[in-house]
Amino acid sequence: MTILVEFAISLPIVLLVAWLIAVVLRRLFGATRSLSTSAMTVIAVLGVSIGLLLSAWLVDDSSLWMPTTLLLGAGASLALSVVVAGVVAAFRRDGSTIDVAVLLKEGESDRVEFKETARWNIREQHKDPRMEIAVAKSVAAFLNSRGGTLVIGVDDAGVPAGLDRDLATMRTADHDRFELWLRDMLAKTLGRNAAALPQIWFPSPGGVPVCVVQCRPSPKPVFLIQPKDGGTVTDLWVRVGNSSRTLGVDDAVDYVARHWRPSVASLVLGRPAG
């Protein structure tokens, strides 16, 4: 009876401590470079189990509430979580390691798309909100699929055109302002959580600065909200071949159920199964 009572009391405490460790480590390493909170919580719980086994092995007549047992449990949990988070972060390196010149040479695909501008309508020669929506659609499609890379400032043939036309539409014509605008635009169209997922940097292939938006698969569906006929519409965009497509209601429901179906792999890796 005593053992059952101790277990009933200790279980929620262990889960709470494990969850706190997971949250702290995800903040330290960054959400895009770490496992999901649920996966990190499971790892932290395994660490507690290892600590309890060490206590039973090293300390004679050890009990659950002994200071030594508590310290070993918490220490092992933290140590295992830090090691796993560090290994995952090392493998999920910054997307800036991508060779952009090679990416441009290989051309567009289901994982790569080029946009010559993000705000400036080249044909009509003025700032155009439709260009912004086109960028948001591509980002949403990559997040809802297997991930991918959007390169802004490059024409369809993969030739760098630069960001001068987009930068000229801003009060401060620099890359920091461009990234701030881009994330704000994505926050309005896709939501703040989705806007924080892509990695953004500014390489200069051939000496011409461009903007690279690296998108990993989103752990949950990302919907695009855009104005239409005096109101707003909400759509689910995905990658189909080398283009972004919106899905009708029935297809969207089926896609979400299939792409984000729960599995052991999706729990551990923190990304969709599909």
C-alpha atoms as a PDB file:
ATOM      1  CA  MET A   1       0.000   0.000   0.000  1.00  0.00           C
ATOM      2  CA  THR A   2       2.817   2.419   0.909  1.00  0.00           C
ATOM      3  CA  ILE A   3       4.566   1.784  -2.405  1.00  0.00           C
ATOM      4  CA  LEU A   4       1.379   2.554  -4.338  1.00  0.00           C
ATOM      5  CA  VAL A   5       0.892   5.812  -2.445  1.00  0.00           C
ATOM      6  CA  GLU A   6       4.492   6.856  -3.107  1.00  0.00           C
ATOM      7  CA  PHE A   7       4.096   6.037  -6.777  1.00  0.00           C
ATOM      8  CA  ALA A   8       0.814   7.967  -7.023  1.00  0.00           C
ATOM      9  CA  ILE A   9       2.447  11.055  -5.455  1.00  0.00           C
ATOM     10  CA  SER A  10       5.754  10.864  -7.295  1.00  0.00           C
ATOM     11  CA  LEU A  11       4.394  10.258 -10.817  1.00  0.00           C
ATOM     12  CA  PRO A  12       2.845  13.723 -11.406  1.00  0.00           C
ATOM     13  CA  ILE A  13       5.903  15.354  -9.802  1.00  0.00           C
ATOM     14  CA  VAL A  14       8.252  13.473 -12.147  1.00  0.00           C
ATOM     15  CA  LEU A  15       6.117  14.431 -15.167  1.00  0.00           C
ATOM     16  CA  LEU A  16       6.068  18.089 -14.120  1.00  0.00           C
ATOM     17  CA  VAL A  17       9.849  18.215 -13.622  1.00  0.00           C
ATOM     18  CA  ALA A  18      10.429  16.396 -16.927  1.00  0.00           C
ATOM     19  CA  TRP A  19       8.129  18.830 -18.740  1.00  0.00           C
ATOM     20  CA  LEU A  20       9.909  21.850 -17.228  1.00  0.00           C
ATOM     21  CA  ILE A  21      13.287  20.461 -18.323  1.00  0.00           C
ATOM     22  CA  ALA A  22      11.925  19.898 -21.834  1.00  0.00           C
ATOM     23  CA  VAL A  23      10.533  23.447 -22.086  1.00  0.00           C
ATOM     24  CA  VAL A  24      13.761  25.048 -20.834  1.00  0.00           C
ATOM     25  CA  LEU A  25      15.973  23.051 -23.213  1.00  0.00           C
ATOM     26  CA  ARG A  26      13.737  23.814 -26.208  1.00  0.00           C
ATOM     27  CA  ARG A  27      14.068  27.509 -25.401  1.00  0.00           C
ATOM     28  CA  LEU A  28      17.845  27.214 -25.077  1.00  0.00           C
ATOM     29  CA  PHE A  29      18.402  25.228 -28.280  1.00  0.00           C
ATOM     30  CA  GLY A  30      15.530  26.704 -30.298  1.00  0.00           C
ATOM     31  CA  ALA A  31      12.331  25.006 -31.422  1.00  0.00           C
ATOM     32  CA  THR A  32      13.599  24.366 -34.951  1.00  0.00           C
ATOM     33  CA  ARG A  33      16.776  22.701 -33.710  1.00  0.00           C
ATOM     34  CA  SER A  34      15.310  20.439 -31.026  1.00  0.00           C
ATOM     35  CA  LEU A  35      12.793  17.643 -30.600  1.00  0.00           C
ATOM     36  CA  SER A  36       9.172  18.307 -29.732  1.00  0.00           C
ATOM     37  CA  THR A  37       8.240  19.097 -26.135  1.00  0.00           C
ATOM     38  CA  SER A  38       6.477  15.739 -25.788  1.00  0.00           C
ATOM     39  CA  ALA A  39       9.546  13.847 -27.035  1.00  0.00           C
ATOM     40  CA  MET A  40      11.875  15.789 -24.722  1.00  0.00           C
ATOM     41  CA  THR A  41       9.513  15.109 -21.804  1.00  0.00           C
ATOM     42  CA  VAL A  42       9.679  11.355 -22.465  1.00  0.00           C
ATOM     43  CA  ILE A  43      13.489  11.536 -22.563  1.00  0.00           C
ATOM     44  CA  ALA A  44      13.554  13.470 -19.274  1.00  0.00           C
ATOM     45  CA  VAL A  45      11.357  10.802 -17.645  1.00  0.00           C
ATOM     46  CA  LEU A  46      13.765   8.106 -18.876  1.00  0.00           C
ATOM     47  CA  GLY A  47      16.555  10.106 -17.245  1.00  0.00           C
ATOM     48  CA  VAL A  48      14.720  10.022 -13.932  1.00  0.00           C
ATOM     49  CA  SER A  49      14.420   6.231 -14.231  1.00  0.00           C
ATOM     50  CA  ILE A  50      18.168   5.963 -14.856  1.00  0.00           C
ATOM     51  CA  GLY A  51      18.833   8.125 -11.803  1.00  0.00           C
ATOM     52  CA  LEU A  52      16.628   5.932  -9.601  1.00  0.00           C
ATOM     53  CA  LEU A  53      18.417   2.795 -10.794  1.00  0.00           C
ATOM     54  CA  LEU A  54      21.779   4.419 -10.012  1.00  0.00           C
ATOM     55  CA  SER A  55      20.561   5.312  -6.538  1.00  0.00           C
ATOM     56  CA  ALA A  56      19.445   1.726  -5.894  1.00  0.00           C
ATOM     57  CA  TRP A  57      22.822   0.447  -7.104  1.00  0.00           C
ATOM     58  CA  LEU A  58      25.067   2.943  -5.335  1.00  0.00           C
ATOM     59  CA  VAL A  59      23.252   3.572  -2.040  1.00  0.00           C
ATOM     60  CA  ASP A  60      22.383   0.836   0.447  1.00  0.00           C
ATOM     61  CA  ASP A  61      18.792   0.885   1.674  1.00  0.00           C
ATOM     62  CA  SER A  62      17.910   3.757  -0.656  1.00  0.00           C
ATOM     63  CA  SER A  63      14.338   5.044  -0.746  1.00  0.00           C
ATOM     64  CA  LEU A  64      12.404   7.255  -3.105  1.00  0.00           C
ATOM     65  CA  TRP A  65      12.408  10.390  -0.971  1.00  0.00           C
ATOM     66  CA  MET A  66      16.038  10.287   0.155  1.00  0.00           C
ATOM     67  CA  PRO A  67      17.994  13.456  -0.881  1.00  0.00           C
ATOM     68  CA  THR A  68      20.540  11.290  -2.694  1.00  0.00           C
ATOM     69  CA  THR A  69      17.815   9.558  -4.711  1.00  0.00           C
ATOM     70  CA  LEU A  70      16.144  12.850  -5.605  1.00  0.00           C
ATOM     71  CA  LEU A  71      19.438  14.449  -6.686  1.00  0.00           C
ATOM     72  CA  LEU A  72      20.433  11.438  -8.791  1.00  0.00           C
ATOM     73  CA  GLY A  73      17.015  11.311 -10.429  1.00  0.00           C
ATOM     74  CA  ALA A  74      16.942  15.020 -11.270  1.00  0.00           C
ATOM     75  CA  GLY A  75      20.612  15.059 -12.290  1.00  0.00           C
ATOM     76  CA  ALA A  76      20.331  12.047 -14.588  1.00  0.00           C
ATOM     77  CA  SER A  77      17.177  13.466 -16.149  1.00  0.00           C
ATOM     78  CA  LEU A  78      18.838  16.805 -16.855  1.00  0.00           C
ATOM     79  CA  ALA A  79      22.061  15.206 -18.104  1.00  0.00           C
ATOM     80  CA  LEU A  80      20.314  12.830 -20.526  1.00  0.00           C
ATOM     81  CA  SER A  81      18.058  15.623 -21.817  1.00  0.00           C
ATOM     82  CA  VAL A  82      21.012  17.968 -22.409  1.00  0.00           C
ATOM     83  CA  VAL A  83      22.967  15.264 -24.265  1.00  0.00           C
ATOM     84  CA  VAL A  84      20.021  14.352 -26.507  1.00  0.00           C
ATOM     85  CA  ALA A  85      19.152  18.012 -27.180  1.00  0.00           C
ATOM     86  CA  GLY A  86      22.787  18.752 -28.036  1.00  0.00           C
ATOM     87  CA  VAL A  87      23.010  15.829 -30.466  1.00  0.00           C
ATOM     88  CA  VAL A  88      19.754  16.805 -32.179  1.00  0.00           C
ATOM     89  CA  ALA A  89      20.851  20.451 -32.456  1.00  0.00           C
ATOM     90  CA  ALA A  90      24.157  19.340 -33.995  1.00  0.00           C
ATOM     91  CA  PHE A  91      22.342  17.338 -36.678  1.00  0.00           C
ATOM     92  CA  ARG A  92      19.781  20.074 -37.282  1.00  0.00           C
ATOM     93  CA  ARG A  93      22.376  22.638 -38.227  1.00  0.00           C
ATOM     94  CA  ASP A  94      21.583  26.085 -39.521  1.00  0.00           C
ATOM     95  CA  GLY A  95      20.242  25.913 -43.063  1.00  0.00           C
ATOM     96  CA  SER A  96      22.878  28.484 -44.075  1.00  0.00           C
ATOM     97  CA  THR A  97      25.194  25.515 -44.673  1.00  0.00           C
ATOM     98  CA  ILE A  98      23.226  24.944 -47.912  1.00  0.00           C
ATOM     99  CA  ASP A  99      25.224  25.716 -51.041  1.00  0.00           C
ATOM    100  CA  VAL A 100      22.910  28.325 -52.573  1.00  0.00           C
ATOM    101  CA  ALA A 101      24.836  28.452 -55.867  1.00  0.00           C
ATOM    102  CA  VAL A 102      24.239  24.724 -56.384  1.00  0.00           C
ATOM    103  CA  LEU A 103      20.597  25.152 -55.352  1.00  0.00           C
ATOM    104  CA  LEU A 104      20.076  27.819 -58.019  1.00  0.00           C
ATOM    105  CA  LYS A 105      21.820  25.721 -60.649  1.00  0.00           C
ATOM    106  CA  GLU A 106      19.609  22.689 -59.994  1.00  0.00           C
ATOM    107  CA  GLY A 107      16.444  24.757 -60.390  1.00  0.00           C
ATOM    108  CA  GLU A 108      12.959  24.564 -58.914  1.00  0.00           C
ATOM    109  CA  SER A 109      11.515  21.299 -57.604  1.00  0.00           C
ATOM    110  CA  ASP A 110       9.072  20.020 -55.009  1.00  0.00           C
ATOM    111  CA  ARG A 111      11.532  21.253 -52.346  1.00  0.00           C
ATOM    112  CA  VAL A 112      12.813  24.475 -53.993  1.00  0.00           C
ATOM    113  CA  GLU A 113      11.051  27.567 -55.361  1.00  0.00           C
ATOM    114  CA  PHE A 114      12.290  30.918 -56.695  1.00  0.00           C
ATOM    115  CA  LYS A 115      10.585  34.312 -56.399  1.00  0.00           C
ATOM    116  CA  GLU A 116      12.076  37.315 -58.190  1.00  0.00           C
ATOM    117  CA  THR A 117      10.442  39.743 -55.737  1.00  0.00           C
ATOM    118  CA  ALA A 118       8.389  39.603 -52.564  1.00  0.00           C
ATOM    119  CA  ARG A 119       6.618  42.993 -52.765  1.00  0.00           C
ATOM    120  CA  TRP A 120       7.291  44.569 -56.156  1.00  0.00           C
ATOM    121  CA  ASN A 121       5.143  43.770 -59.188  1.00  0.00           C
ATOM    122  CA  ILE A 122       7.686  43.624 -62.034  1.00  0.00           C
ATOM    123  CA  ARG A 123       5.148  43.833 -64.855  1.00  0.00           C
ATOM    124  CA  GLU A 124       3.139  46.722 -63.427  1.00  0.00           C
ATOM    125  CA  GLN A 125       6.090  48.424 -61.697  1.00  0.00           C
ATOM    126  CA  HIS A 126       4.553  49.068 -58.280  1.00  0.00           C
ATOM    127  CA  LYS A 127       4.281  47.542 -54.814  1.00  0.00           C
ATOM    128  CA  ASP A 128       1.639  44.823 -54.905  1.00  0.00           C
ATOM    129  CA  PRO A 129       0.112  42.890 -51.963  1.00  0.00           C
ATOM    130  CA  ARG A 130      -0.446  39.968 -54.328  1.00  0.00           C
ATOM    131  CA  MET A 131       3.315  39.387 -54.419  1.00  0.00           C
ATOM    132  CA  GLU A 132       3.320  39.087 -50.627  1.00  0.00           C
ATOM    133  CA  ILE A 133       0.478  36.550 -50.687  1.00  0.00           C
ATOM    134  CA  ALA A 134       2.395  34.506 -53.282  1.00  0.00           C
ATOM    135  CA  VAL A 135       5.361  34.310 -50.898  1.00  0.00           C
ATOM    136  CA  ALA A 136       3.089  33.334 -47.986  1.00  0.00           C
ATOM    137  CA  LYS A 137       1.498  30.585 -50.124  1.00  0.00           C
ATOM    138  CA  SER A 138       4.903  29.070 -50.913  1.00  0.00           C
ATOM    139  CA  VAL A 139       6.008  29.135 -47.272  1.00  0.00           C
ATOM    140  CA  ALA A 140       2.714  27.590 -46.127  1.00  0.00           C
ATOM    141  CA  ALA A 141       2.982  24.869 -48.786  1.00  0.00           C
ATOM    142  CA  PHE A 142       6.512  23.927 -47.690  1.00  0.00           C
ATOM    143  CA  LEU A 143       5.516  23.895 -44.011  1.00  0.00           C
ATOM    144  CA  ASN A 144       2.509  21.678 -44.782  1.00  0.00           C
ATOM    145  CA  SER A 145       4.516  19.258 -46.918  1.00  0.00           C
ATOM    146  CA  ARG A 146       8.034  17.839 -46.563  1.00  0.00           C
ATOM    147  CA  GLY A 147       9.668  21.214 -46.090  1.00  0.00           C
ATOM    148  CA  GLY A 148      11.662  23.152 -48.636  1.00  0.00           C
ATOM    149  CA  THR A 149      13.558  26.295 -49.558  1.00  0.00           C
ATOM    150  CA  LEU A 150      12.185  29.533 -50.964  1.00  0.00           C
ATOM    151  CA  VAL A 151      14.737  31.872 -52.538  1.00  0.00           C
ATOM    152  CA  ILE A 152      13.598  35.482 -52.980  1.00  0.00           C
ATOM    153  CA  GLY A 153      15.478  37.690 -55.435  1.00  0.00           C
ATOM    154  CA  VAL A 154      15.990  35.006 -58.082  1.00  0.00           C
ATOM    155  CA  ASP A 155      14.183  34.659 -61.417  1.00  0.00           C
ATOM    156  CA  ASP A 156      12.616  31.429 -62.713  1.00  0.00           C
ATOM    157  CA  ALA A 157      15.860  30.454 -64.451  1.00  0.00           C
ATOM    158  CA  GLY A 158      17.785  30.606 -61.180  1.00  0.00           C
ATOM    159  CA  VAL A 159      19.607  33.853 -62.033  1.00  0.00           C
ATOM    160  CA  PRO A 160      20.079  36.154 -58.990  1.00  0.00           C
ATOM    161  CA  ALA A 161      18.250  39.464 -59.490  1.00  0.00           C
ATOM    162  CA  GLY A 162      18.825  40.849 -55.999  1.00  0.00           C
ATOM    163  CA  LEU A 163      16.526  42.469 -53.468  1.00  0.00           C
ATOM    164  CA  ASP A 164      16.903  46.124 -54.468  1.00  0.00           C
ATOM    165  CA  ARG A 165      13.337  46.513 -55.754  1.00  0.00           C
ATOM    166  CA  ASP A 166      11.839  45.104 -52.560  1.00  0.00           C
ATOM    167  CA  LEU A 167      14.223  47.030 -50.312  1.00  0.00           C
ATOM    168  CA  ALA A 168      13.285  50.281 -52.076  1.00  0.00           C
ATOM    169  CA  THR A 169       9.710  49.868 -50.759  1.00  0.00           C
ATOM    170  CA  MET A 170      10.891  49.992 -47.138  1.00  0.00           C
ATOM    171  CA  ARG A 171      11.776  52.921 -44.915  1.00  0.00           C
ATOM    172  CA  THR A 172      15.121  51.358 -44.103  1.00  0.00           C
ATOM    173  CA  ALA A 173      16.651  49.489 -47.031  1.00  0.00           C
ATOM    174  CA  ASP A 174      18.578  46.759 -45.232  1.00  0.00           C
ATOM    175  CA  HIS A 175      18.314  43.022 -44.667  1.00  0.00           C
ATOM    176  CA  ASP A 176      17.286  43.301 -41.010  1.00  0.00           C
ATOM    177  CA  ARG A 177      14.281  45.404 -41.994  1.00  0.00           C
ATOM    178  CA  PHE A 178      13.451  42.960 -44.788  1.00  0.00           C
ATOM    179  CA  GLU A 179      13.456  39.985 -42.407  1.00  0.00           C
ATOM    180  CA  LEU A 180      11.367  41.914 -39.870  1.00  0.00           C
ATOM    181  CA  TRP A 181       8.818  42.751 -42.567  1.00  0.00           C
ATOM    182  CA  LEU A 182       8.807  39.165 -43.871  1.00  0.00           C
ATOM    183  CA  ARG A 183       8.139  37.639 -40.454  1.00  0.00           C
ATOM    184  CA  ASP A 184       5.445  40.226 -39.706  1.00  0.00           C
ATOM    185  CA  MET A 185       3.771  39.465 -43.030  1.00  0.00           C
ATOM    186  CA  LEU A 186       3.909  35.712 -42.355  1.00  0.00           C
ATOM    187  CA  ALA A 187       2.536  36.271 -38.845  1.00  0.00           C
ATOM    188  CA  LYS A 188      -0.496  38.087 -40.292  1.00  0.00           C
ATOM    189  CA  THR A 189      -1.163  35.512 -43.009  1.00  0.00           C
ATOM    190  CA  LEU A 190      -0.066  32.234 -41.378  1.00  0.00           C
ATOM    191  CA  GLY A 191      -0.051  32.966 -37.641  1.00  0.00           C
ATOM    192  CA  ARG A 192       2.771  33.853 -35.245  1.00  0.00           C
ATOM    193  CA  ASN A 193       3.747  30.256 -34.480  1.00  0.00           C
ATOM    194  CA  ALA A 194       4.130  29.426 -38.169  1.00  0.00           C
ATOM    195  CA  ALA A 195       6.021  32.667 -38.845  1.00  0.00           C
ATOM    196  CA  ALA A 196       8.670  31.657 -36.311  1.00  0.00           C
ATOM    197  CA  LEU A 197       9.381  28.272 -37.958  1.00  0.00           C
ATOM    198  CA  PRO A 198      11.404  29.230 -41.088  1.00  0.00           C
ATOM    199  CA  GLN A 199      15.098  30.089 -40.939  1.00  0.00           C
ATOM    200  CA  ILE A 200      15.969  33.218 -42.911  1.00  0.00           C
ATOM    201  CA  TRP A 201      19.374  34.401 -44.101  1.00  0.00           C
ATOM    202  CA  PHE A 202      20.914  36.489 -46.872  1.00  0.00           C
ATOM    203  CA  PRO A 203      23.686  34.850 -48.915  1.00  0.00           C
ATOM    204  CA  SER A 204      25.230  36.471 -52.012  1.00  0.00           C
ATOM    205  CA  PRO A 205      25.593  33.927 -54.827  1.00  0.00           C
ATOM    206  CA  GLY A 206      27.624  35.534 -57.598  1.00  0.00           C
ATOM    207  CA  GLY A 207      27.942  38.649 -55.443  1.00  0.00           C
ATOM    208  CA  VAL A 208      24.186  39.379 -55.573  1.00  0.00           C
ATOM    209  CA  PRO A 209      22.352  39.333 -52.209  1.00  0.00           C
ATOM    210  CA  VAL A 210      19.222  37.178 -52.085  1.00  0.00           C
ATOM    211  CA  CYS A 211      16.923  36.009 -49.285  1.00  0.00           C
ATOM    212  CA  VAL A 212      16.733  32.298 -48.442  1.00  0.00           C
ATOM    213  CA  VAL A 213      13.746  31.036 -46.439  1.00  0.00           C
ATOM    214  CA  GLN A 214      14.387  27.503 -45.183  1.00  0.00           C
ATOM    215  CA  CYS A 215      11.225  25.695 -44.047  1.00  0.00           C
ATOM    216  CA  ARG A 216      11.107  22.466 -42.060  1.00  0.00           C
ATOM    217  CA  PRO A 217       7.851  20.468 -41.967  1.00  0.00           C
ATOM    218  CA  SER A 218       5.416  22.027 -39.506  1.00  0.00           C
ATOM    219  CA  PRO A 219       4.290  19.849 -36.569  1.00  0.00           C
ATOM    220  CA  LYS A 220       0.697  20.924 -37.221  1.00  0.00           C
ATOM    221  CA  PRO A 221      -1.332  22.296 -40.164  1.00  0.00           C
ATOM    222  CA  VAL A 222      -0.621  25.865 -41.276  1.00  0.00           C
ATOM    223  CA  PHE A 223      -3.538  27.753 -42.824  1.00  0.00           C
ATOM    224  CA  LEU A 224      -3.253  30.832 -45.024  1.00  0.00           C
ATOM    225  CA  ILE A 225      -5.646  33.687 -44.260  1.00  0.00           C
ATOM    226  CA  GLN A 226      -6.087  36.264 -47.010  1.00  0.00           C
ATOM    227  CA  PRO A 227      -8.631  38.988 -47.838  1.00  0.00           C
ATOM    228  CA  LYS A 228     -11.287  38.243 -50.455  1.00  0.00           C
ATOM    229  CA  ASP A 229     -14.475  40.075 -51.511  1.00  0.00           C
ATOM    230  CA  GLY A 230     -14.512  42.273 -48.421  1.00  0.00           C
ATOM    231  CA  GLY A 231     -13.914  39.348 -46.054  1.00  0.00           C
ATOM    232  CA  THR A 232     -11.272  36.698 -45.525  1.00  0.00           C
ATOM    233  CA  VAL A 233     -10.740  33.128 -46.696  1.00  0.00           C
ATOM    234  CA  THR A 234      -8.717  30.385 -45.024  1.00  0.00           C
ATOM    235  CA  ASP A 235      -6.949  27.812 -47.207  1.00  0.00           C
ATOM    236  CA  LEU A 236      -4.589  24.877 -46.793  1.00  0.00           C
ATOM    237  CA  TRP A 237      -1.665  25.018 -49.252  1.00  0.00           C
ATOM    238  CA  VAL A 238       0.636  22.073 -50.063  1.00  0.00           C
ATOM    239  CA  ARG A 239       3.415  21.266 -52.539  1.00  0.00           C
ATOM    240  CA  VAL A 240       2.386  19.272 -55.605  1.00  0.00           C
ATOM    241  CA  GLY A 241       5.406  18.700 -57.818  1.00  0.00           C
ATOM    242  CA  ASN A 242       7.226  21.996 -58.291  1.00  0.00           C
ATOM    243  CA  SER A 243       4.193  24.185 -57.537  1.00  0.00           C
ATOM    244  CA  SER A 244       2.041  25.187 -54.563  1.00  0.00           C
ATOM    245  CA  ARG A 245      -1.633  24.165 -54.652  1.00  0.00           C
ATOM    246  CA  THR A 246      -4.622  24.818 -52.426  1.00  0.00           C
ATOM    247  CA  LEU A 247      -6.869  21.933 -51.389  1.00  0.00           C
ATOM    248  CA  GLY A 248     -10.648  21.861 -51.267  1.00  0.00           C
ATOM    249  CA  VAL A 249     -12.386  21.130 -47.982  1.00  0.00           C
ATOM    250  CA  ASP A 250     -12.686  17.352 -48.452  1.00  0.00           C
ATOM    251  CA  ASP A 251      -9.128  16.977 -49.745  1.00  0.00           C
ATOM    252  CA  ALA A 252      -7.793  19.214 -46.966  1.00  0.00           C
ATOM    253  CA  VAL A 253      -9.483  17.133 -44.251  1.00  0.00           C
ATOM    254  CA  ASP A 254      -8.102  13.924 -45.756  1.00  0.00           C
ATOM    255  CA  TYR A 255      -4.616  15.422 -46.170  1.00  0.00           C
ATOM    256  CA  VAL A 256      -4.466  16.663 -42.561  1.00  0.00           C
ATOM    257  CA  ALA A 257      -5.626  13.297 -41.196  1.00  0.00           C
ATOM    258  CA  ARG A 258      -3.047  11.456 -43.298  1.00  0.00           C
ATOM    259  CA  HIS A 259      -0.082  13.842 -43.090  1.00  0.00           C
ATOM    260  CA  TRP A 260      -0.270  14.540 -39.350  1.00  0.00           C
ATOM    261  CA  ARG A 261      -1.380  11.082 -38.249  1.00  0.00           C
ATOM    262  CA  PRO A 262       0.190  10.214 -34.863  1.00  0.00           C
ATOM    263  CA  SER A 263       2.992   7.654 -34.877  1.00  0.00           C
ATOM    264  CA  VAL A 264       6.066   6.716 -32.870  1.00  0.00           C
ATOM    265  CA  ALA A 265       8.279   8.451 -35.455  1.00  0.00           C
ATOM    266  CA  SER A 266       6.277  11.683 -35.352  1.00  0.00           C
ATOM    267  CA  LEU A 267       6.444  11.699 -31.531  1.00  0.00           C
ATOM    268  CA  VAL A 268      10.198  11.161 -31.375  1.00  0.00           C
ATOM    269  CA  LEU A 269      11.161  13.392 -34.326  1.00  0.00           C
ATOM    270  CA  GLY A 270       8.608  16.086 -33.634  1.00  0.00           C
ATOM    271  CA  ARG A 271       7.441  16.315 -37.246  1.00  0.00           C
ATOM    272  CA  PRO A 272       4.597  14.960 -39.420  1.00  0.00           C
ATOM    273  CA  ALA A 273       4.487  11.310 -40.388  1.00  0.00           C
ATOM    274  CA  GLY A 274       3.617  11.997 -44.020  1.00  0.00           C
END
